[in-house]
Amino acid sequence: MVTEEEIERISKLMRIEIDDHKEYVEKVKTMIGYFDILDSAGVESEEISMPEISILNLRQDKYIPFNDKLIEKLNHYKGTYVRAPKMSS
């Protein structure tokens, strides 16, 4: 289902530093298993009710310029990306 090579490829695409890719194969398999459970829940026939809101009741969009570099305002800024906390089990 999920291979170490796929984990390595995805982590490189997302610019996530992972020392041991094997460690995450089981975690990803477990997550995919949960998605399979959700897919089999059979909620296609459920009706989702949302209140209708008139377009006149919505707020006006306003352009507010932001002159600073947003990425430099983040705590874990490194180069051109933000470092996230390590995943734990």
PDB file of N, CA and C in Angstrom:
ATOM      1  N   MET A   1       0.823  -1.183   0.000  1.00  0.00           N
ATOM      2  CA  MET A   1       0.000   0.000   0.000  1.00  0.00           C
ATOM      3  C   MET A   1       0.874   1.257   0.000  1.00  0.00           C
ATOM      4  N   VAL A   2       1.724   1.436   1.002  1.00  0.00           N
ATOM      5  CA  VAL A   2       2.621   2.581   1.099  1.00  0.00           C
ATOM      6  C   VAL A   2       4.037   2.053   1.243  1.00  0.00           C
ATOM      7  N   THR A   3       4.966   2.650   0.504  1.00  0.00           N
ATOM      8  CA  THR A   3       6.348   2.190   0.575  1.00  0.00           C
ATOM      9  C   THR A   3       7.229   3.276   1.179  1.00  0.00           C
ATOM     10  N   GLU A   4       8.399   2.848   1.619  1.00  0.00           N
ATOM     11  CA  GLU A   4       9.370   3.794   2.175  1.00  0.00           C
ATOM     12  C   GLU A   4       9.774   4.817   1.123  1.00  0.00           C
ATOM     13  N   GLU A   5       9.876   4.370  -0.135  1.00  0.00           N
ATOM     14  CA  GLU A   5      10.256   5.273  -1.226  1.00  0.00           C
ATOM     15  C   GLU A   5       9.210   6.370  -1.427  1.00  0.00           C
ATOM     16  N   GLU A   6       7.927   5.994  -1.283  1.00  0.00           N
ATOM     17  CA  GLU A   6       6.866   6.995  -1.430  1.00  0.00           C
ATOM     18  C   GLU A   6       6.921   8.026  -0.305  1.00  0.00           C
ATOM     19  N   ILE A   7       7.188   7.558   0.903  1.00  0.00           N
ATOM     20  CA  ILE A   7       7.309   8.471   2.034  1.00  0.00           C
ATOM     21  C   ILE A   7       8.472   9.428   1.794  1.00  0.00           C
ATOM     22  N   GLU A   8       9.588   8.898   1.325  1.00  0.00           N
ATOM     23  CA  GLU A   8      10.767   9.725   1.061  1.00  0.00           C
ATOM     24  C   GLU A   8      10.468  10.759  -0.022  1.00  0.00           C
ATOM     25  N   ARG A   9       9.793  10.339  -1.090  1.00  0.00           N
ATOM     26  CA  ARG A   9       9.463  11.234  -2.194  1.00  0.00           C
ATOM     27  C   ARG A   9       8.534  12.354  -1.733  1.00  0.00           C
ATOM     28  N   ILE A  10       7.494  11.997  -0.976  1.00  0.00           N
ATOM     29  CA  ILE A  10       6.536  12.992  -0.487  1.00  0.00           C
ATOM     30  C   ILE A  10       7.212  13.959   0.474  1.00  0.00           C
ATOM     31  N   SER A  11       8.070  13.447   1.355  1.00  0.00           N
ATOM     32  CA  SER A  11       8.743  14.332   2.309  1.00  0.00           C
ATOM     33  C   SER A  11       9.651  15.325   1.592  1.00  0.00           C
ATOM     34  N   LYS A  12      10.282  14.887   0.510  1.00  0.00           N
ATOM     35  CA  LYS A  12      11.120  15.811  -0.265  1.00  0.00           C
ATOM     36  C   LYS A  12      10.263  16.872  -0.952  1.00  0.00           C
ATOM     37  N   LEU A  13       9.113  16.454  -1.500  1.00  0.00           N
ATOM     38  CA  LEU A  13       8.220  17.406  -2.158  1.00  0.00           C
ATOM     39  C   LEU A  13       7.691  18.445  -1.175  1.00  0.00           C
ATOM     40  N   MET A  14       7.444  18.009   0.069  1.00  0.00           N
ATOM     41  CA  MET A  14       6.914  18.909   1.085  1.00  0.00           C
ATOM     42  C   MET A  14       8.017  19.623   1.862  1.00  0.00           C
ATOM     43  N   ARG A  15       9.257  19.331   1.513  1.00  0.00           N
ATOM     44  CA  ARG A  15      10.421  19.913   2.193  1.00  0.00           C
ATOM     45  C   ARG A  15      10.399  19.624   3.691  1.00  0.00           C
ATOM     46  N   ILE A  16      10.102  18.366   4.018  1.00  0.00           N
ATOM     47  CA  ILE A  16      10.108  17.913   5.406  1.00  0.00           C
ATOM     48  C   ILE A  16      11.336  17.040   5.596  1.00  0.00           C
ATOM     49  N   GLU A  17      12.130  17.367   6.612  1.00  0.00           N
ATOM     50  CA  GLU A  17      13.326  16.591   6.895  1.00  0.00           C
ATOM     51  C   GLU A  17      12.956  15.380   7.747  1.00  0.00           C
ATOM     52  N   ILE A  18      13.162  14.173   7.214  1.00  0.00           N
ATOM     53  CA  ILE A  18      12.877  12.931   7.928  1.00  0.00           C
ATOM     54  C   ILE A  18      14.140  12.090   7.924  1.00  0.00           C
ATOM     55  N   ASP A  19      14.567  11.695   9.128  1.00  0.00           N
ATOM     56  CA  ASP A  19      15.780  10.881   9.237  1.00  0.00           C
ATOM     57  C   ASP A  19      15.528   9.427   8.846  1.00  0.00           C
ATOM     58  N   ASP A  20      14.466   8.832   9.378  1.00  0.00           N
ATOM     59  CA  ASP A  20      14.178   7.420   9.143  1.00  0.00           C
ATOM     60  C   ASP A  20      12.809   7.284   8.495  1.00  0.00           C
ATOM     61  N   HIS A  21      12.783   7.079   7.178  1.00  0.00           N
ATOM     62  CA  HIS A  21      11.527   7.005   6.436  1.00  0.00           C
ATOM     63  C   HIS A  21      10.734   5.753   6.798  1.00  0.00           C
ATOM     64  N   LYS A  22      11.416   4.684   7.187  1.00  0.00           N
ATOM     65  CA  LYS A  22      10.737   3.430   7.549  1.00  0.00           C
ATOM     66  C   LYS A  22       9.793   3.651   8.729  1.00  0.00           C
ATOM     67  N   GLU A  23      10.184   4.535   9.624  1.00  0.00           N
ATOM     68  CA  GLU A  23       9.408   4.811  10.829  1.00  0.00           C
ATOM     69  C   GLU A  23       7.997   5.299  10.493  1.00  0.00           C
ATOM     70  N   TYR A  24       7.832   5.969   9.376  1.00  0.00           N
ATOM     71  CA  TYR A  24       6.554   6.589   9.033  1.00  0.00           C
ATOM     72  C   TYR A  24       5.668   5.723   8.156  1.00  0.00           C
ATOM     73  N   VAL A  25       6.194   4.613   7.620  1.00  0.00           N
ATOM     74  CA  VAL A  25       5.393   3.762   6.738  1.00  0.00           C
ATOM     75  C   VAL A  25       4.176   3.230   7.487  1.00  0.00           C
ATOM     76  N   GLU A  26       4.351   2.697   8.693  1.00  0.00           N
ATOM     77  CA  GLU A  26       3.221   2.166   9.466  1.00  0.00           C
ATOM     78  C   GLU A  26       2.249   3.271   9.863  1.00  0.00           C
ATOM     79  N   LYS A  27       2.770   4.434  10.209  1.00  0.00           N
ATOM     80  CA  LYS A  27       1.890   5.550  10.581  1.00  0.00           C
ATOM     81  C   LYS A  27       1.004   5.961   9.408  1.00  0.00           C
ATOM     82  N   VAL A  28       1.586   6.024   8.216  1.00  0.00           N
ATOM     83  CA  VAL A  28       0.811   6.406   7.031  1.00  0.00           C
ATOM     84  C   VAL A  28      -0.189   5.312   6.688  1.00  0.00           C
ATOM     85  N   LYS A  29       0.199   4.045   6.815  1.00  0.00           N
ATOM     86  CA  LYS A  29      -0.737   2.943   6.558  1.00  0.00           C
ATOM     87  C   LYS A  29      -1.928   3.024   7.508  1.00  0.00           C
ATOM     88  N   THR A  30      -1.673   3.362   8.768  1.00  0.00           N
ATOM     89  CA  THR A  30      -2.754   3.493   9.742  1.00  0.00           C
ATOM     90  C   THR A  30      -3.689   4.637   9.354  1.00  0.00           C
ATOM     91  N   MET A  31      -3.114   5.772   8.939  1.00  0.00           N
ATOM     92  CA  MET A  31      -3.942   6.907   8.518  1.00  0.00           C
ATOM     93  C   MET A  31      -4.793   6.534   7.311  1.00  0.00           C
ATOM     94  N   ILE A  32      -4.213   5.850   6.341  1.00  0.00           N
ATOM     95  CA  ILE A  32      -4.968   5.437   5.150  1.00  0.00           C
ATOM     96  C   ILE A  32      -6.069   4.459   5.541  1.00  0.00           C
ATOM     97  N   GLY A  33      -5.790   3.597   6.521  1.00  0.00           N
ATOM     98  CA  GLY A  33      -6.818   2.686   7.023  1.00  0.00           C
ATOM     99  C   GLY A  33      -8.008   3.444   7.583  1.00  0.00           C
ATOM    100  N   TYR A  34      -7.745   4.536   8.311  1.00  0.00           N
ATOM    101  CA  TYR A  34      -8.831   5.362   8.828  1.00  0.00           C
ATOM    102  C   TYR A  34      -9.633   5.998   7.695  1.00  0.00           C
ATOM    103  N   PHE A  35      -8.949   6.442   6.646  1.00  0.00           N
ATOM    104  CA  PHE A  35      -9.661   7.011   5.496  1.00  0.00           C
ATOM    105  C   PHE A  35     -10.532   5.951   4.830  1.00  0.00           C
ATOM    106  N   ASP A  36     -10.042   4.699   4.762  1.00  0.00           N
ATOM    107  CA  ASP A  36     -10.852   3.617   4.200  1.00  0.00           C
ATOM    108  C   ASP A  36     -12.128   3.402   5.021  1.00  0.00           C
ATOM    109  N   ILE A  37     -12.002   3.488   6.351  1.00  0.00           N
ATOM    110  CA  ILE A  37     -13.172   3.344   7.222  1.00  0.00           C
ATOM    111  C   ILE A  37     -14.173   4.467   6.941  1.00  0.00           C
ATOM    112  N   LEU A  38     -13.665   5.699   6.816  1.00  0.00           N
ATOM    113  CA  LEU A  38     -14.547   6.828   6.518  1.00  0.00           C
ATOM    114  C   LEU A  38     -15.220   6.674   5.158  1.00  0.00           C
ATOM    115  N   ASP A  39     -14.450   6.171   4.167  1.00  0.00           N
ATOM    116  CA  ASP A  39     -15.023   5.972   2.831  1.00  0.00           C
ATOM    117  C   ASP A  39     -16.137   4.930   2.844  1.00  0.00           C
ATOM    118  N   SER A  40     -16.037   3.942   3.720  1.00  0.00           N
ATOM    119  CA  SER A  40     -17.039   2.876   3.751  1.00  0.00           C
ATOM    120  C   SER A  40     -18.224   3.211   4.661  1.00  0.00           C
ATOM    121  N   ALA A  41     -18.250   4.398   5.224  1.00  0.00           N
ATOM    122  CA  ALA A  41     -19.319   4.766   6.158  1.00  0.00           C
ATOM    123  C   ALA A  41     -20.676   4.898   5.487  1.00  0.00           C
ATOM    124  N   GLY A  42     -20.719   5.086   4.177  1.00  0.00           N
ATOM    125  CA  GLY A  42     -21.990   5.145   3.460  1.00  0.00           C
ATOM    126  C   GLY A  42     -22.827   6.361   3.788  1.00  0.00           C
ATOM    127  N   VAL A  43     -22.245   7.526   3.679  1.00  0.00           N
ATOM    128  CA  VAL A  43     -22.979   8.749   3.991  1.00  0.00           C
ATOM    129  C   VAL A  43     -23.428   9.495   2.733  1.00  0.00           C
ATOM    130  N   GLU A  44     -23.384   8.828   1.595  1.00  0.00           N
ATOM    131  CA  GLU A  44     -23.766   9.491   0.341  1.00  0.00           C
ATOM    132  C   GLU A  44     -25.217   9.956   0.379  1.00  0.00           C
ATOM    133  N   SER A  45     -26.080   9.205   1.072  1.00  0.00           N
ATOM    134  CA  SER A  45     -27.500   9.544   1.091  1.00  0.00           C
ATOM    135  C   SER A  45     -27.835  10.589   2.148  1.00  0.00           C
ATOM    136  N   GLU A  46     -26.879  10.932   2.984  1.00  0.00           N
ATOM    137  CA  GLU A  46     -27.132  11.932   4.022  1.00  0.00           C
ATOM    138  C   GLU A  46     -27.272  13.316   3.397  1.00  0.00           C
ATOM    139  N   GLU A  47     -28.221  14.065   3.904  1.00  0.00           N
ATOM    140  CA  GLU A  47     -28.435  15.412   3.402  1.00  0.00           C
ATOM    141  C   GLU A  47     -27.710  16.400   4.302  1.00  0.00           C
ATOM    142  N   ILE A  48     -26.953  17.276   3.714  1.00  0.00           N
ATOM    143  CA  ILE A  48     -26.239  18.303   4.461  1.00  0.00           C
ATOM    144  C   ILE A  48     -27.046  19.586   4.352  1.00  0.00           C
ATOM    145  N   SER A  49     -27.515  20.057   5.483  1.00  0.00           N
ATOM    146  CA  SER A  49     -28.326  21.274   5.448  1.00  0.00           C
ATOM    147  C   SER A  49     -27.453  22.477   5.772  1.00  0.00           C
ATOM    148  N   MET A  50     -27.575  23.464   4.942  1.00  0.00           N
ATOM    149  CA  MET A  50     -26.839  24.709   5.147  1.00  0.00           C
ATOM    150  C   MET A  50     -27.836  25.851   5.012  1.00  0.00           C
ATOM    151  N   PRO A  51     -27.764  26.789   5.930  1.00  0.00           N
ATOM    152  CA  PRO A  51     -28.700  27.914   5.831  1.00  0.00           C
ATOM    153  C   PRO A  51     -28.383  28.779   4.615  1.00  0.00           C
ATOM    154  N   GLU A  52     -29.438  29.234   3.980  1.00  0.00           N
ATOM    155  CA  GLU A  52     -29.241  30.134   2.846  1.00  0.00           C
ATOM    156  C   GLU A  52     -28.987  31.538   3.367  1.00  0.00           C
ATOM    157  N   ILE A  53     -27.963  32.176   2.822  1.00  0.00           N
ATOM    158  CA  ILE A  53     -27.620  33.545   3.216  1.00  0.00           C
ATOM    159  C   ILE A  53     -27.670  34.407   1.963  1.00  0.00           C
ATOM    160  N   SER A  54     -28.386  35.489   2.093  1.00  0.00           N
ATOM    161  CA  SER A  54     -28.484  36.412   0.970  1.00  0.00           C
ATOM    162  C   SER A  54     -27.123  37.066   0.729  1.00  0.00           C
ATOM    163  N   ILE A  55     -26.807  37.306  -0.510  1.00  0.00           N
ATOM    164  CA  ILE A  55     -25.539  37.956  -0.850  1.00  0.00           C
ATOM    165  C   ILE A  55     -25.474  39.369  -0.263  1.00  0.00           C
ATOM    166  N   LEU A  56     -26.610  39.941   0.000  1.00  0.00           N
ATOM    167  CA  LEU A  56     -26.649  41.286   0.591  1.00  0.00           C
ATOM    168  C   LEU A  56     -26.203  41.271   2.059  1.00  0.00           C
ATOM    169  N   ASN A  57     -26.264  40.107   2.705  1.00  0.00           N
ATOM    170  CA  ASN A  57     -25.886  40.004   4.112  1.00  0.00           C
ATOM    171  C   ASN A  57     -24.404  39.680   4.312  1.00  0.00           C
ATOM    172  N   LEU A  58     -23.669  39.505   3.252  1.00  0.00           N
ATOM    173  CA  LEU A  58     -22.245  39.203   3.359  1.00  0.00           C
ATOM    174  C   LEU A  58     -21.445  40.486   3.514  1.00  0.00           C
ATOM    175  N   ARG A  59     -20.300  40.385   4.154  1.00  0.00           N
ATOM    176  CA  ARG A  59     -19.473  41.571   4.352  1.00  0.00           C
ATOM    177  C   ARG A  59     -18.806  41.968   3.031  1.00  0.00           C
ATOM    178  N   GLN A  60     -18.407  43.203   2.938  1.00  0.00           N
ATOM    179  CA  GLN A  60     -17.711  43.701   1.754  1.00  0.00           C
ATOM    180  C   GLN A  60     -16.248  43.252   1.796  1.00  0.00           C
ATOM    181  N   ASP A  61     -15.717  42.842   0.666  1.00  0.00           N
ATOM    182  CA  ASP A  61     -14.296  42.516   0.589  1.00  0.00           C
ATOM    183  C   ASP A  61     -13.500  43.806   0.520  1.00  0.00           C
ATOM    184  N   LYS A  62     -12.433  43.867   1.300  1.00  0.00           N
ATOM    185  CA  LYS A  62     -11.572  45.044   1.291  1.00  0.00           C
ATOM    186  C   LYS A  62     -10.136  44.600   1.104  1.00  0.00           C
ATOM    187  N   TYR A  63      -9.415  45.314   0.261  1.00  0.00           N
ATOM    188  CA  TYR A  63      -7.991  45.052   0.081  1.00  0.00           C
ATOM    189  C   TYR A  63      -7.225  45.852   1.126  1.00  0.00           C
ATOM    190  N   ILE A  64      -6.481  45.124   1.955  1.00  0.00           N
ATOM    191  CA  ILE A  64      -5.653  45.774   2.970  1.00  0.00           C
ATOM    192  C   ILE A  64      -4.206  45.399   2.663  1.00  0.00           C
ATOM    193  N   PRO A  65      -3.402  46.329   2.203  1.00  0.00           N
ATOM    194  CA  PRO A  65      -2.025  45.997   1.842  1.00  0.00           C
ATOM    195  C   PRO A  65      -1.210  45.575   3.060  1.00  0.00           C
ATOM    196  N   PHE A  66      -0.315  44.613   2.870  1.00  0.00           N
ATOM    197  CA  PHE A  66       0.588  44.127   3.915  1.00  0.00           C
ATOM    198  C   PHE A  66       1.986  44.223   3.341  1.00  0.00           C
ATOM    199  N   ASN A  67       2.744  45.180   3.804  1.00  0.00           N
ATOM    200  CA  ASN A  67       4.045  45.460   3.191  1.00  0.00           C
ATOM    201  C   ASN A  67       5.182  44.594   3.716  1.00  0.00           C
ATOM    202  N   ASP A  68       5.023  43.989   4.893  1.00  0.00           N
ATOM    203  CA  ASP A  68       6.075  43.132   5.440  1.00  0.00           C
ATOM    204  C   ASP A  68       6.062  41.767   4.754  1.00  0.00           C
ATOM    205  N   LYS A  69       7.169  41.025   4.895  1.00  0.00           N
ATOM    206  CA  LYS A  69       7.208  39.653   4.403  1.00  0.00           C
ATOM    207  C   LYS A  69       6.616  38.765   5.484  1.00  0.00           C
ATOM    208  N   LEU A  70       5.482  38.130   5.187  1.00  0.00           N
ATOM    209  CA  LEU A  70       4.772  37.332   6.172  1.00  0.00           C
ATOM    210  C   LEU A  70       5.624  36.180   6.693  1.00  0.00           C
ATOM    211  N   ILE A  71       6.366  35.511   5.835  1.00  0.00           N
ATOM    212  CA  ILE A  71       7.150  34.349   6.251  1.00  0.00           C
ATOM    213  C   ILE A  71       8.194  34.717   7.301  1.00  0.00           C
ATOM    214  N   GLU A  72       8.678  35.947   7.279  1.00  0.00           N
ATOM    215  CA  GLU A  72       9.660  36.372   8.265  1.00  0.00           C
ATOM    216  C   GLU A  72       9.029  36.611   9.634  1.00  0.00           C
ATOM    217  N   LYS A  73       7.712  36.700   9.691  1.00  0.00           N
ATOM    218  CA  LYS A  73       7.003  36.898  10.947  1.00  0.00           C
ATOM    219  C   LYS A  73       6.753  35.580  11.679  1.00  0.00           C
ATOM    220  N   LEU A  74       6.984  34.455  11.025  1.00  0.00           N
ATOM    221  CA  LEU A  74       6.729  33.150  11.627  1.00  0.00           C
ATOM    222  C   LEU A  74       7.888  32.728  12.521  1.00  0.00           C
ATOM    223  N   ASN A  75       7.569  31.959  13.581  1.00  0.00           N
ATOM    224  CA  ASN A  75       8.567  31.583  14.578  1.00  0.00           C
ATOM    225  C   ASN A  75       9.653  30.649  14.061  1.00  0.00           C
ATOM    226  N   HIS A  76       9.291  29.667  13.267  1.00  0.00           N
ATOM    227  CA  HIS A  76      10.246  28.644  12.852  1.00  0.00           C
ATOM    228  C   HIS A  76      10.614  28.802  11.383  1.00  0.00           C
ATOM    229  N   TYR A  77      10.899  29.996  10.990  1.00  0.00           N
ATOM    230  CA  TYR A  77      11.267  30.319   9.612  1.00  0.00           C
ATOM    231  C   TYR A  77      12.695  29.869   9.350  1.00  0.00           C
ATOM    232  N   LYS A  78      12.905  29.151   8.250  1.00  0.00           N
ATOM    233  CA  LYS A  78      14.246  28.687   7.898  1.00  0.00           C
ATOM    234  C   LYS A  78      14.378  28.750   6.377  1.00  0.00           C
ATOM    235  N   GLY A  79      15.156  29.688   5.888  1.00  0.00           N
ATOM    236  CA  GLY A  79      15.341  29.793   4.432  1.00  0.00           C
ATOM    237  C   GLY A  79      14.073  30.249   3.757  1.00  0.00           C
ATOM    238  N   THR A  80      13.479  29.359   2.959  1.00  0.00           N
ATOM    239  CA  THR A  80      12.248  29.706   2.247  1.00  0.00           C
ATOM    240  C   THR A  80      11.070  28.870   2.715  1.00  0.00           C
ATOM    241  N   TYR A  81      11.188  28.199   3.880  1.00  0.00           N
ATOM    242  CA  TYR A  81      10.078  27.394   4.370  1.00  0.00           C
ATOM    243  C   TYR A  81      10.002  27.476   5.893  1.00  0.00           C
ATOM    244  N   VAL A  82       8.905  26.947   6.432  1.00  0.00           N
ATOM    245  CA  VAL A  82       8.669  26.971   7.868  1.00  0.00           C
ATOM    246  C   VAL A  82       8.846  25.571   8.412  1.00  0.00           C
ATOM    247  N   ARG A  83       9.613  25.447   9.472  1.00  0.00           N
ATOM    248  CA  ARG A  83       9.863  24.142  10.078  1.00  0.00           C
ATOM    249  C   ARG A  83       8.716  23.808  11.034  1.00  0.00           C
ATOM    250  N   ALA A  84       8.118  22.645  10.865  1.00  0.00           N
ATOM    251  CA  ALA A  84       7.003  22.200  11.695  1.00  0.00           C
ATOM    252  C   ALA A  84       7.517  21.255  12.787  1.00  0.00           C
ATOM    253  N   PRO A  85       6.733  21.076  13.858  1.00  0.00           N
ATOM    254  CA  PRO A  85       7.152  20.149  14.904  1.00  0.00           C
ATOM    255  C   PRO A  85       7.197  18.726  14.389  1.00  0.00           C
ATOM    256  N   LYS A  86       8.049  17.890  14.997  1.00  0.00           N
ATOM    257  CA  LYS A  86       8.169  16.488  14.583  1.00  0.00           C
ATOM    258  C   LYS A  86       6.899  15.737  14.940  1.00  0.00           C
ATOM    259  N   MET A  87       6.559  14.750  14.104  1.00  0.00           N
ATOM    260  CA  MET A  87       5.411  13.897  14.384  1.00  0.00           C
ATOM    261  C   MET A  87       5.786  12.918  15.472  1.00  0.00           C
ATOM    262  N   SER A  88       4.887  12.681  16.392  1.00  0.00           N
ATOM    263  CA  SER A  88       5.161  11.695  17.438  1.00  0.00           C
ATOM    264  C   SER A  88       4.057  10.651  17.421  1.00  0.00           C
ATOM    265  N   SER A  89       4.352   9.520  17.976  1.00  0.00           N
ATOM    266  CA  SER A  89       3.342   8.444  17.968  1.00  0.00           C
ATOM    267  C   SER A  89       2.504   8.452  19.210  1.00  0.00           C
TER     268      SER A  89
END
